[in-house]
Amino acid sequence: MVLEQLLDSFPRITGRKVTDGCAGDFPRIEGSPDFVGGLDGKALGIELAEIRGAGDAWDYYAEASRLALQKHGAMHGVTCSPIR
């Protein structure tokens, strides 16, 4: 449900077009990312995670950062990989 909301909202937020047929261009390692789609004809990987118990925006960011470090060993996907 959240993924569908993201995919529906993404073009309106970014002004870019979501495209099909790019999943084969994206390298997958141990089932990651959770979803591969296309953005302006280029592959885009999306990791999904549920964050619970965050009391405020800083708690939410801290948990997202912790998950990214655990998953990738770096801040990949949170702040170091901007969408261009």
Protein backbone atom coordinates (compact mmCIF):
# COMPACT_ATOMS: atom_id res chain seq x y z
CA MET A 1 0.00 0.00 0.00
CA VAL A 2 2.77 2.48 0.88
CA LEU A 3 4.69 1.55 -2.28
CA GLU A 4 1.65 2.26 -4.44
CA GLN A 5 1.17 5.63 -2.73
CA LEU A 6 4.83 6.49 -3.32
CA LEU A 7 4.67 5.49 -6.99
CA ASP A 8 1.46 7.48 -7.49
CA SER A 9 2.87 10.58 -5.76
CA PHE A 10 6.42 10.50 -7.11
CA PRO A 11 5.69 12.08 -10.53
CA ARG A 12 3.65 14.88 -8.94
CA ILE A 13 6.33 15.62 -6.35
CA THR A 14 9.35 15.44 -8.66
CA GLY A 15 7.83 16.40 -12.02
CA ARG A 16 9.47 13.27 -13.48
CA LYS A 17 7.92 10.33 -15.29
CA VAL A 18 7.74 6.82 -13.81
CA THR A 19 8.54 4.33 -16.60
CA ASP A 20 8.43 0.54 -17.02
CA GLY A 21 10.96 -1.91 -18.38
CA CYS A 22 14.05 -0.77 -16.44
CA ALA A 23 14.21 -3.49 -13.77
CA GLY A 24 16.69 -5.58 -15.76
CA ASP A 25 19.19 -2.70 -15.70
CA PHE A 26 19.44 -2.60 -11.90
CA PRO A 27 21.90 -4.85 -10.03
CA ARG A 28 20.25 -6.83 -7.24
CA ILE A 29 22.22 -8.21 -4.32
CA GLU A 30 20.55 -10.71 -1.96
CA GLY A 31 17.03 -9.55 -2.87
CA SER A 32 17.81 -5.89 -2.44
CA PRO A 33 16.31 -3.47 -3.35
CA ASP A 34 12.74 -4.41 -2.50
CA PHE A 35 11.34 -2.81 -5.66
CA VAL A 36 12.89 -1.74 -8.94
CA GLY A 37 11.08 0.68 -11.19
CA GLY A 38 11.98 3.29 -13.71
CA LEU A 39 12.35 7.05 -13.48
CA ASP A 40 12.73 8.94 -16.74
CA GLY A 41 13.80 5.69 -18.42
CA LYS A 42 16.48 4.84 -15.85
CA ALA A 43 16.30 2.10 -13.22
CA LEU A 44 15.47 3.21 -9.67
CA GLY A 45 15.73 0.88 -6.66
CA ILE A 46 13.50 1.43 -3.64
CA GLU A 47 14.11 -0.07 -0.20
CA LEU A 48 11.08 -0.38 2.04
CA ALA A 49 11.29 -0.31 5.83
CA GLU A 50 8.78 0.28 8.58
CA ILE A 51 9.81 2.68 11.33
CA ARG A 52 7.87 2.39 14.58
CA GLY A 53 8.03 4.24 17.85
CA ALA A 54 9.59 7.45 16.58
CA GLY A 55 8.59 10.26 18.92
CA ASP A 56 9.60 13.09 16.60
CA ALA A 57 11.34 13.81 13.29
CA TRP A 58 14.81 13.38 14.82
CA ASP A 59 13.92 9.96 16.21
CA TYR A 60 12.55 8.99 12.80
CA TYR A 61 15.74 10.18 11.06
CA ALA A 62 17.95 8.39 13.59
CA GLU A 63 16.12 5.10 13.03
CA ALA A 64 16.21 5.51 9.24
CA SER A 65 19.95 6.18 9.46
CA ARG A 66 20.47 3.14 11.68
CA LEU A 67 18.58 0.92 9.24
CA ALA A 68 20.57 2.26 6.30
CA LEU A 69 23.86 1.62 8.10
CA GLN A 70 22.74 -1.88 9.01
CA LYS A 71 21.53 -2.67 5.50
CA HIS A 72 24.30 -1.11 3.43
CA GLY A 73 27.21 -0.33 5.72
CA ALA A 74 26.94 3.33 4.73
CA MET A 75 24.35 6.08 4.50
CA HIS A 76 23.35 4.84 1.03
CA GLY A 77 19.72 5.62 0.34
CA VAL A 78 19.19 8.09 3.17
CA THR A 79 21.32 11.10 2.33
CA CYS A 80 24.22 10.11 0.09
CA SER A 81 22.31 9.02 -3.00
CA PRO A 82 20.21 11.96 -4.15
CA ILE A 83 17.82 11.49 -7.05
CA ARG A 84 19.09 13.52 -9.98
